């Protein structure tokens, strides 16, 4: 069984609403649930385990997408709330959870302005989610605020030097400039940045870099075509340059070259996607 609650938790200024609407629309492009399930599905349980989530815990998965963390968290018997800017992703998660008979609350909300009380959750998590919110300090403040004292914050983020960080670097010359004040998502993959964001409001912060081994693509071209079809940020960049065939061809080449650079397979593409896993307890 699943439940759906009302409310958005999204700010009301025209500028912020427009920015968040663009973000919501971007992640609705293509088929991100296919990326979450078929490529990075193993990351959600890693976050659940790192956060020590067990039956009875009140868990909030922020920027939850289609439930990569929320669903395995609910399987433990935890009471899970999943929030995201993009209703389409939450709806897919709701359907998948319902098919398993899992009780999860799905709610549209902005990670920078969460509609929950102070200390409402025992664990606050995010898996390659909150890193894409534009204002990192606002996000960190909300993660800390909504976690109870002694509760756990667990975050998994792509590193700047790793494959996905480098993919965003490859796409940057073709993308529209970010809005003023927005920070690059892969900064969350640097532990010093995360420490600075949380400051003395957490203790016992631990961080470790690990690799997700991605071997679902036979060739670098297959990787490019999958992301070009399914991954919202990549689709958005291609849409921005759709009227310039030369730029489209150049980005096609750059994404293939990226996969070739990281490919350690022998006749079949094998990629290591580096991420940073951070856990901390709220003071």
C-alpha atoms as a PDB file:
ATOM      1  CA  UNK A   1       0.000   0.000   0.000  1.00  0.00           C
ATOM      2  CA  UNK A   2       1.212   3.516  -0.688  1.00  0.00           C
ATOM      3  CA  UNK A   3      -0.012   6.907   0.370  1.00  0.00           C
ATOM      4  CA  UNK A   4       0.130  10.216  -1.435  1.00  0.00           C
ATOM      5  CA  UNK A   5       0.090  13.457   0.526  1.00  0.00           C
ATOM      6  CA  UNK A   6      -0.527  16.945  -0.728  1.00  0.00           C
ATOM      7  CA  UNK A   7       1.700  19.994  -0.537  1.00  0.00           C
ATOM      8  CA  UNK A   8       4.710  21.036  -2.528  1.00  0.00           C
ATOM      9  CA  UNK A   9       7.280  22.559  -0.232  1.00  0.00           C
ATOM     10  CA  UNK A  10       8.474  24.655  -3.174  1.00  0.00           C
ATOM     11  CA  UNK A  11       9.224  28.337  -2.674  1.00  0.00           C
ATOM     12  CA  UNK A  12       6.908  30.997  -4.031  1.00  0.00           C
ATOM     13  CA  UNK A  13       9.279  33.548  -5.550  1.00  0.00           C
ATOM     14  CA  UNK A  14       8.871  33.825  -9.310  1.00  0.00           C
ATOM     15  CA  UNK A  15      12.577  33.270  -9.955  1.00  0.00           C
ATOM     16  CA  UNK A  16      12.866  30.211  -7.766  1.00  0.00           C
ATOM     17  CA  UNK A  17       9.632  28.679  -9.003  1.00  0.00           C
ATOM     18  CA  UNK A  18      10.788  29.096 -12.599  1.00  0.00           C
ATOM     19  CA  UNK A  19      14.160  27.521 -11.853  1.00  0.00           C
ATOM     20  CA  UNK A  20      12.638  24.566 -10.022  1.00  0.00           C
ATOM     21  CA  UNK A  21      10.048  24.109 -12.774  1.00  0.00           C
ATOM     22  CA  UNK A  22      12.892  23.802 -15.288  1.00  0.00           C
ATOM     23  CA  UNK A  23      14.640  21.258 -13.091  1.00  0.00           C
ATOM     24  CA  UNK A  24      11.437  19.267 -12.661  1.00  0.00           C
ATOM     25  CA  UNK A  25      10.822  19.240 -16.414  1.00  0.00           C
ATOM     26  CA  UNK A  26      14.410  18.237 -17.173  1.00  0.00           C
ATOM     27  CA  UNK A  27      14.276  15.147 -14.975  1.00  0.00           C
ATOM     28  CA  UNK A  28      10.956  14.168 -16.536  1.00  0.00           C
ATOM     29  CA  UNK A  29      12.610  13.952 -19.961  1.00  0.00           C
ATOM     30  CA  UNK A  30      13.427  10.526 -21.282  1.00  0.00           C
ATOM     31  CA  UNK A  31      13.249   7.641 -18.826  1.00  0.00           C
ATOM     32  CA  UNK A  32      15.239   8.271 -15.662  1.00  0.00           C
ATOM     33  CA  UNK A  33      13.595   5.310 -13.878  1.00  0.00           C
ATOM     34  CA  UNK A  34      15.336   3.077 -16.442  1.00  0.00           C
ATOM     35  CA  UNK A  35      18.679   4.639 -15.479  1.00  0.00           C
ATOM     36  CA  UNK A  36      17.857   4.214 -11.782  1.00  0.00           C
ATOM     37  CA  UNK A  37      16.759   0.602 -12.117  1.00  0.00           C
ATOM     38  CA  UNK A  38      18.989  -0.779 -14.856  1.00  0.00           C
ATOM     39  CA  UNK A  39      22.262   1.101 -14.335  1.00  0.00           C
ATOM     40  CA  UNK A  40      22.504   2.413 -10.756  1.00  0.00           C
ATOM     41  CA  UNK A  41      19.991   0.173  -9.003  1.00  0.00           C
ATOM     42  CA  UNK A  42      22.591  -1.241  -6.614  1.00  0.00           C
ATOM     43  CA  UNK A  43      23.350   2.182  -5.114  1.00  0.00           C
ATOM     44  CA  UNK A  44      20.081   2.526  -3.195  1.00  0.00           C
ATOM     45  CA  UNK A  45      20.675  -0.477  -0.928  1.00  0.00           C
ATOM     46  CA  UNK A  46      24.224   0.788  -0.296  1.00  0.00           C
ATOM     47  CA  UNK A  47      22.778   4.015   1.133  1.00  0.00           C
ATOM     48  CA  UNK A  48      20.207   2.114   3.192  1.00  0.00           C
ATOM     49  CA  UNK A  49      22.940  -0.050   4.693  1.00  0.00           C
ATOM     50  CA  UNK A  50      25.244   2.928   5.335  1.00  0.00           C
ATOM     51  CA  UNK A  51      22.453   4.775   7.149  1.00  0.00           C
ATOM     52  CA  UNK A  52      21.725   1.763   9.357  1.00  0.00           C
ATOM     53  CA  UNK A  53      18.032   1.871   8.467  1.00  0.00           C
ATOM     54  CA  UNK A  54      15.928  -0.785  10.182  1.00  0.00           C
ATOM     55  CA  UNK A  55      12.292  -1.484  11.000  1.00  0.00           C
ATOM     56  CA  UNK A  56      10.508   1.399  12.688  1.00  0.00           C
ATOM     57  CA  UNK A  57      12.927   4.130  11.627  1.00  0.00           C
ATOM     58  CA  UNK A  58      11.406   7.319  10.255  1.00  0.00           C
ATOM     59  CA  UNK A  59      13.249   7.846   6.976  1.00  0.00           C
ATOM     60  CA  UNK A  60      13.159  10.744   4.543  1.00  0.00           C
ATOM     61  CA  UNK A  61      14.719  10.127   1.121  1.00  0.00           C
ATOM     62  CA  UNK A  62      15.285  13.560  -0.433  1.00  0.00           C
ATOM     63  CA  UNK A  63      15.367  14.048  -4.213  1.00  0.00           C
ATOM     64  CA  UNK A  64      14.230  10.445  -4.260  1.00  0.00           C
ATOM     65  CA  UNK A  65      13.496  10.127  -7.969  1.00  0.00           C
ATOM     66  CA  UNK A  66      11.642   6.877  -8.557  1.00  0.00           C
ATOM     67  CA  UNK A  67      12.598   5.370  -5.209  1.00  0.00           C
ATOM     68  CA  UNK A  68      16.132   4.041  -5.547  1.00  0.00           C
ATOM     69  CA  UNK A  69      16.624   4.402  -1.775  1.00  0.00           C
ATOM     70  CA  UNK A  70      13.029   4.723  -0.608  1.00  0.00           C
ATOM     71  CA  UNK A  71      11.921   1.307  -1.808  1.00  0.00           C
ATOM     72  CA  UNK A  72      14.772  -0.748  -0.282  1.00  0.00           C
ATOM     73  CA  UNK A  73      14.407   1.337   2.892  1.00  0.00           C
ATOM     74  CA  UNK A  74      10.723   0.434   3.079  1.00  0.00           C
ATOM     75  CA  UNK A  75      11.590  -3.237   2.652  1.00  0.00           C
ATOM     76  CA  UNK A  76      13.324  -3.076   6.051  1.00  0.00           C
ATOM     77  CA  UNK A  77      10.062  -2.067   7.720  1.00  0.00           C
ATOM     78  CA  UNK A  78      11.027   1.581   8.064  1.00  0.00           C
ATOM     79  CA  UNK A  79       8.421   4.352   7.764  1.00  0.00           C
ATOM     80  CA  UNK A  80       9.546   6.073   4.576  1.00  0.00           C
ATOM     81  CA  UNK A  81       8.754   9.438   3.056  1.00  0.00           C
ATOM     82  CA  UNK A  82      10.109  10.083  -0.453  1.00  0.00           C
ATOM     83  CA  UNK A  83      10.212  13.604  -1.897  1.00  0.00           C
ATOM     84  CA  UNK A  84      11.269  14.965  -5.265  1.00  0.00           C
ATOM     85  CA  UNK A  85      10.640  17.944  -7.539  1.00  0.00           C
ATOM     86  CA  UNK A  86       9.431  15.738 -10.404  1.00  0.00           C
ATOM     87  CA  UNK A  87       5.953  14.197 -10.009  1.00  0.00           C
ATOM     88  CA  UNK A  88       6.496  11.785 -12.895  1.00  0.00           C
ATOM     89  CA  UNK A  89       9.380  10.119 -11.097  1.00  0.00           C
ATOM     90  CA  UNK A  90       7.450   9.850  -7.849  1.00  0.00           C
ATOM     91  CA  UNK A  91       4.534   8.270  -9.686  1.00  0.00           C
ATOM     92  CA  UNK A  92       6.771   5.533 -11.099  1.00  0.00           C
ATOM     93  CA  UNK A  93       8.140   4.911  -7.621  1.00  0.00           C
ATOM     94  CA  UNK A  94       4.619   4.793  -6.217  1.00  0.00           C
ATOM     95  CA  UNK A  95       3.645   2.164  -8.780  1.00  0.00           C
ATOM     96  CA  UNK A  96       6.706   0.035  -8.075  1.00  0.00           C
ATOM     97  CA  UNK A  97       6.216   0.253  -4.311  1.00  0.00           C
ATOM     98  CA  UNK A  98       2.541  -0.596  -4.634  1.00  0.00           C
ATOM     99  CA  UNK A  99       3.429  -3.690  -6.658  1.00  0.00           C
ATOM    100  CA  UNK A 100       5.488  -4.876  -3.674  1.00  0.00           C
ATOM    101  CA  UNK A 101       2.878  -3.898  -1.105  1.00  0.00           C
ATOM    102  CA  UNK A 102       5.180  -1.309   0.462  1.00  0.00           C
ATOM    103  CA  UNK A 103       3.805   1.664   2.415  1.00  0.00           C
ATOM    104  CA  UNK A 104       5.674   4.802   1.320  1.00  0.00           C
ATOM    105  CA  UNK A 105       4.555   8.424   1.376  1.00  0.00           C
ATOM    106  CA  UNK A 106       5.382  10.157  -1.934  1.00  0.00           C
ATOM    107  CA  UNK A 107       5.389  13.946  -1.929  1.00  0.00           C
ATOM    108  CA  UNK A 108       6.476  16.672  -4.330  1.00  0.00           C
ATOM    109  CA  UNK A 109       8.929  18.902  -2.474  1.00  0.00           C
ATOM    110  CA  UNK A 110      11.976  21.088  -2.997  1.00  0.00           C
ATOM    111  CA  UNK A 111      15.151  19.862  -1.259  1.00  0.00           C
ATOM    112  CA  UNK A 112      16.054  23.479  -0.486  1.00  0.00           C
ATOM    113  CA  UNK A 113      12.768  24.152   1.361  1.00  0.00           C
ATOM    114  CA  UNK A 114      11.426  20.937   2.859  1.00  0.00           C
ATOM    115  CA  UNK A 115       7.858  20.964   4.240  1.00  0.00           C
ATOM    116  CA  UNK A 116       8.676  19.075   7.437  1.00  0.00           C
ATOM    117  CA  UNK A 117       9.296  19.938  11.052  1.00  0.00           C
ATOM    118  CA  UNK A 118      12.621  20.107  12.846  1.00  0.00           C
ATOM    119  CA  UNK A 119      14.021  16.707  13.797  1.00  0.00           C
ATOM    120  CA  UNK A 120      11.163  14.820  12.190  1.00  0.00           C
ATOM    121  CA  UNK A 121      13.225  11.900  10.858  1.00  0.00           C
ATOM    122  CA  UNK A 122      15.655   9.324  12.247  1.00  0.00           C
ATOM    123  CA  UNK A 123      17.497   9.111   8.931  1.00  0.00           C
ATOM    124  CA  UNK A 124      17.720  11.541   6.033  1.00  0.00           C
ATOM    125  CA  UNK A 125      19.167  10.149   2.816  1.00  0.00           C
ATOM    126  CA  UNK A 126      19.831  10.982  -0.812  1.00  0.00           C
ATOM    127  CA  UNK A 127      21.372   8.973  -3.636  1.00  0.00           C
ATOM    128  CA  UNK A 128      22.718  11.120  -6.510  1.00  0.00           C
ATOM    129  CA  UNK A 129      19.748  13.361  -5.811  1.00  0.00           C
ATOM    130  CA  UNK A 130      20.282  16.480  -3.688  1.00  0.00           C
ATOM    131  CA  UNK A 131      23.603  17.051  -5.440  1.00  0.00           C
ATOM    132  CA  UNK A 132      21.601  18.457  -8.366  1.00  0.00           C
ATOM    133  CA  UNK A 133      19.826  21.138  -6.328  1.00  0.00           C
ATOM    134  CA  UNK A 134      21.410  24.483  -7.236  1.00  0.00           C
ATOM    135  CA  UNK A 135      22.061  25.965  -3.786  1.00  0.00           C
ATOM    136  CA  UNK A 136      24.123  23.550  -1.748  1.00  0.00           C
ATOM    137  CA  UNK A 137      24.047  25.350   1.588  1.00  0.00           C
ATOM    138  CA  UNK A 138      20.265  25.551   1.576  1.00  0.00           C
ATOM    139  CA  UNK A 139      20.096  21.816   0.960  1.00  0.00           C
ATOM    140  CA  UNK A 140      22.576  20.996   3.713  1.00  0.00           C
ATOM    141  CA  UNK A 141      20.672  23.207   6.139  1.00  0.00           C
ATOM    142  CA  UNK A 142      17.443  21.348   5.386  1.00  0.00           C
ATOM    143  CA  UNK A 143      19.011  17.909   5.680  1.00  0.00           C
ATOM    144  CA  UNK A 144      20.351  18.811   9.116  1.00  0.00           C
ATOM    145  CA  UNK A 145      17.195  20.591  10.255  1.00  0.00           C
ATOM    146  CA  UNK A 146      14.831  17.722   9.482  1.00  0.00           C
ATOM    147  CA  UNK A 147      17.074  15.028  11.005  1.00  0.00           C
ATOM    148  CA  UNK A 148      16.647  14.435  14.729  1.00  0.00           C
ATOM    149  CA  UNK A 149      19.615  14.902  17.073  1.00  0.00           C
ATOM    150  CA  UNK A 150      21.561  11.647  16.974  1.00  0.00           C
ATOM    151  CA  UNK A 151      19.954  10.691  13.687  1.00  0.00           C
ATOM    152  CA  UNK A 152      21.892   9.801  10.550  1.00  0.00           C
ATOM    153  CA  UNK A 153      22.418  11.678   7.316  1.00  0.00           C
ATOM    154  CA  UNK A 154      23.619   9.474   4.434  1.00  0.00           C
ATOM    155  CA  UNK A 155      24.459  10.864   1.009  1.00  0.00           C
ATOM    156  CA  UNK A 156      25.848   9.321  -2.158  1.00  0.00           C
ATOM    157  CA  UNK A 157      27.148  11.708  -4.831  1.00  0.00           C
ATOM    158  CA  UNK A 158      29.133  11.438  -8.055  1.00  0.00           C
ATOM    159  CA  UNK A 159      32.676  12.805  -7.767  1.00  0.00           C
ATOM    160  CA  UNK A 160      33.978  15.561 -10.080  1.00  0.00           C
ATOM    161  CA  UNK A 161      36.864  13.379 -11.254  1.00  0.00           C
ATOM    162  CA  UNK A 162      34.745  10.279 -11.799  1.00  0.00           C
ATOM    163  CA  UNK A 163      32.877   9.251 -14.906  1.00  0.00           C
ATOM    164  CA  UNK A 164      29.608  11.115 -14.346  1.00  0.00           C
ATOM    165  CA  UNK A 165      31.415  14.227 -13.111  1.00  0.00           C
ATOM    166  CA  UNK A 166      33.479  14.128 -16.279  1.00  0.00           C
ATOM    167  CA  UNK A 167      30.350  13.556 -18.368  1.00  0.00           C
ATOM    168  CA  UNK A 168      28.918  16.809 -17.044  1.00  0.00           C
ATOM    169  CA  UNK A 169      32.232  18.502 -17.798  1.00  0.00           C
ATOM    170  CA  UNK A 170      32.021  17.189 -21.362  1.00  0.00           C
ATOM    171  CA  UNK A 171      28.481  18.505 -21.776  1.00  0.00           C
ATOM    172  CA  UNK A 172      29.159  21.907 -20.199  1.00  0.00           C
ATOM    173  CA  UNK A 173      30.403  23.683 -23.376  1.00  0.00           C
ATOM    174  CA  UNK A 174      27.152  22.768 -25.119  1.00  0.00           C
ATOM    175  CA  UNK A 175      24.768  23.628 -22.276  1.00  0.00           C
ATOM    176  CA  UNK A 176      23.138  26.897 -21.320  1.00  0.00           C
ATOM    177  CA  UNK A 177      25.009  28.704 -18.520  1.00  0.00           C
ATOM    178  CA  UNK A 178      23.751  27.936 -15.014  1.00  0.00           C
ATOM    179  CA  UNK A 179      21.669  30.588 -13.236  1.00  0.00           C
ATOM    180  CA  UNK A 180      23.493  33.012 -10.937  1.00  0.00           C
ATOM    181  CA  UNK A 181      24.381  31.440  -7.621  1.00  0.00           C
ATOM    182  CA  UNK A 182      23.970  27.844  -8.770  1.00  0.00           C
ATOM    183  CA  UNK A 183      26.799  25.516  -7.773  1.00  0.00           C
ATOM    184  CA  UNK A 184      28.129  22.542  -9.763  1.00  0.00           C
ATOM    185  CA  UNK A 185      26.508  19.258  -8.671  1.00  0.00           C
ATOM    186  CA  UNK A 186      29.744  17.223  -8.462  1.00  0.00           C
ATOM    187  CA  UNK A 187      31.049  19.456  -5.658  1.00  0.00           C
ATOM    188  CA  UNK A 188      29.055  17.145  -3.367  1.00  0.00           C
ATOM    189  CA  UNK A 189      31.572  14.482  -4.379  1.00  0.00           C
ATOM    190  CA  UNK A 190      34.354  16.302  -2.473  1.00  0.00           C
ATOM    191  CA  UNK A 191      34.354  15.518   1.226  1.00  0.00           C
ATOM    192  CA  UNK A 192      35.824  18.912   2.164  1.00  0.00           C
ATOM    193  CA  UNK A 193      32.868  20.622   0.494  1.00  0.00           C
ATOM    194  CA  UNK A 194      30.408  18.443   2.401  1.00  0.00           C
ATOM    195  CA  UNK A 195      32.215  19.068   5.693  1.00  0.00           C
ATOM    196  CA  UNK A 196      32.031  22.806   5.113  1.00  0.00           C
ATOM    197  CA  UNK A 197      28.317  22.659   4.322  1.00  0.00           C
ATOM    198  CA  UNK A 198      27.454  20.737   7.505  1.00  0.00           C
ATOM    199  CA  UNK A 199      30.002  22.380   9.783  1.00  0.00           C
ATOM    200  CA  UNK A 200      29.749  21.591  13.481  1.00  0.00           C
ATOM    201  CA  UNK A 201      26.110  20.556  13.256  1.00  0.00           C
ATOM    202  CA  UNK A 202      27.134  16.946  12.626  1.00  0.00           C
ATOM    203  CA  UNK A 203      29.644  14.569  14.180  1.00  0.00           C
ATOM    204  CA  UNK A 204      31.271  11.298  13.214  1.00  0.00           C
ATOM    205  CA  UNK A 205      31.333  12.256   9.554  1.00  0.00           C
ATOM    206  CA  UNK A 206      32.818   9.453   7.482  1.00  0.00           C
ATOM    207  CA  UNK A 207      33.424   9.419   3.752  1.00  0.00           C
ATOM    208  CA  UNK A 208      34.664   6.832   1.328  1.00  0.00           C
ATOM    209  CA  UNK A 209      35.114   6.814  -2.426  1.00  0.00           C
ATOM    210  CA  UNK A 210      33.884   3.738  -4.218  1.00  0.00           C
ATOM    211  CA  UNK A 211      33.176   2.671  -7.785  1.00  0.00           C
ATOM    212  CA  UNK A 212      29.983   1.479  -9.388  1.00  0.00           C
ATOM    213  CA  UNK A 213      30.982  -0.986 -12.097  1.00  0.00           C
ATOM    214  CA  UNK A 214      28.848  -0.386 -15.181  1.00  0.00           C
ATOM    215  CA  UNK A 215      29.030  -3.165 -17.764  1.00  0.00           C
ATOM    216  CA  UNK A 216      25.586  -2.947 -19.345  1.00  0.00           C
ATOM    217  CA  UNK A 217      26.842  -1.237 -22.512  1.00  0.00           C
ATOM    218  CA  UNK A 218      28.566  -3.244 -25.229  1.00  0.00           C
ATOM    219  CA  UNK A 219      30.274  -0.194 -26.730  1.00  0.00           C
ATOM    220  CA  UNK A 220      30.912   3.468 -25.922  1.00  0.00           C
ATOM    221  CA  UNK A 221      28.380   4.354 -28.621  1.00  0.00           C
ATOM    222  CA  UNK A 222      25.742   2.284 -26.846  1.00  0.00           C
ATOM    223  CA  UNK A 223      26.394   4.212 -23.636  1.00  0.00           C
ATOM    224  CA  UNK A 224      26.021   7.520 -25.472  1.00  0.00           C
ATOM    225  CA  UNK A 225      22.795   6.502 -27.175  1.00  0.00           C
ATOM    226  CA  UNK A 226      21.278   5.225 -23.920  1.00  0.00           C
ATOM    227  CA  UNK A 227      21.982   8.490 -22.108  1.00  0.00           C
ATOM    228  CA  UNK A 228      20.947  10.537 -25.123  1.00  0.00           C
ATOM    229  CA  UNK A 229      17.569   8.785 -24.969  1.00  0.00           C
ATOM    230  CA  UNK A 230      16.953   8.274 -21.250  1.00  0.00           C
ATOM    231  CA  UNK A 231      18.904  10.737 -19.052  1.00  0.00           C
ATOM    232  CA  UNK A 232      17.191  14.099 -18.576  1.00  0.00           C
ATOM    233  CA  UNK A 233      20.283  16.336 -18.294  1.00  0.00           C
ATOM    234  CA  UNK A 234      21.816  14.818 -21.428  1.00  0.00           C
ATOM    235  CA  UNK A 235      18.554  15.105 -23.340  1.00  0.00           C
ATOM    236  CA  UNK A 236      18.230  18.752 -22.278  1.00  0.00           C
ATOM    237  CA  UNK A 237      21.696  19.582 -23.635  1.00  0.00           C
ATOM    238  CA  UNK A 238      20.942  17.929 -26.943  1.00  0.00           C
ATOM    239  CA  UNK A 239      17.650  19.827 -27.155  1.00  0.00           C
ATOM    240  CA  UNK A 240      19.522  23.102 -26.623  1.00  0.00           C
ATOM    241  CA  UNK A 241      21.773  22.441 -29.632  1.00  0.00           C
ATOM    242  CA  UNK A 242      19.266  20.616 -31.833  1.00  0.00           C
ATOM    243  CA  UNK A 243      19.378  23.364 -34.486  1.00  0.00           C
ATOM    244  CA  UNK A 244      23.157  23.085 -34.861  1.00  0.00           C
ATOM    245  CA  UNK A 245      24.120  19.756 -36.490  1.00  0.00           C
ATOM    246  CA  UNK A 246      27.818  20.447 -36.042  1.00  0.00           C
ATOM    247  CA  UNK A 247      27.438  20.829 -32.280  1.00  0.00           C
ATOM    248  CA  UNK A 248      25.281  17.706 -32.101  1.00  0.00           C
ATOM    249  CA  UNK A 249      27.948  15.736 -33.947  1.00  0.00           C
ATOM    250  CA  UNK A 250      30.669  17.179 -31.721  1.00  0.00           C
ATOM    251  CA  UNK A 251      28.825  16.234 -28.524  1.00  0.00           C
ATOM    252  CA  UNK A 252      28.217  12.769 -29.954  1.00  0.00           C
ATOM    253  CA  UNK A 253      31.974  12.418 -30.423  1.00  0.00           C
ATOM    254  CA  UNK A 254      32.815  13.865 -27.014  1.00  0.00           C
ATOM    255  CA  UNK A 255      30.553  11.437 -25.141  1.00  0.00           C
ATOM    256  CA  UNK A 256      31.965   8.470 -27.034  1.00  0.00           C
ATOM    257  CA  UNK A 257      35.502   9.705 -26.334  1.00  0.00           C
ATOM    258  CA  UNK A 258      34.642   9.988 -22.638  1.00  0.00           C
ATOM    259  CA  UNK A 259      33.464   6.383 -22.503  1.00  0.00           C
ATOM    260  CA  UNK A 260      36.525   5.254 -24.455  1.00  0.00           C
ATOM    261  CA  UNK A 261      38.785   7.032 -21.963  1.00  0.00           C
ATOM    262  CA  UNK A 262      37.230   5.240 -18.986  1.00  0.00           C
ATOM    263  CA  UNK A 263      36.632   1.881 -20.703  1.00  0.00           C
ATOM    264  CA  UNK A 264      38.675  -0.920 -19.117  1.00  0.00           C
ATOM    265  CA  UNK A 265      36.847  -3.738 -20.861  1.00  0.00           C
ATOM    266  CA  UNK A 266      38.253  -6.112 -23.483  1.00  0.00           C
ATOM    267  CA  UNK A 267      35.809  -6.242 -26.345  1.00  0.00           C
ATOM    268  CA  UNK A 268      32.910  -5.177 -24.106  1.00  0.00           C
ATOM    269  CA  UNK A 269      32.705  -1.795 -22.418  1.00  0.00           C
ATOM    270  CA  UNK A 270      33.300  -1.773 -18.653  1.00  0.00           C
ATOM    271  CA  UNK A 271      33.203   1.578 -16.828  1.00  0.00           C
ATOM    272  CA  UNK A 272      33.975   2.504 -13.225  1.00  0.00           C
ATOM    273  CA  UNK A 273      31.725   5.327 -12.023  1.00  0.00           C
ATOM    274  CA  UNK A 274      33.272   6.854  -8.904  1.00  0.00           C
ATOM    275  CA  UNK A 275      31.069   8.145  -6.104  1.00  0.00           C
ATOM    276  CA  UNK A 276      31.473   9.510  -2.587  1.00  0.00           C
ATOM    277  CA  UNK A 277      29.437   7.973   0.227  1.00  0.00           C
ATOM    278  CA  UNK A 278      29.098  10.231   3.288  1.00  0.00           C
ATOM    279  CA  UNK A 279      27.439   9.459   6.610  1.00  0.00           C
ATOM    280  CA  UNK A 280      27.192  11.666   9.675  1.00  0.00           C
ATOM    281  CA  UNK A 281      25.152  12.020  12.847  1.00  0.00           C
ATOM    282  CA  UNK A 282      23.335  15.206  13.674  1.00  0.00           C
ATOM    283  CA  UNK A 283      24.557  16.820  16.880  1.00  0.00           C
END
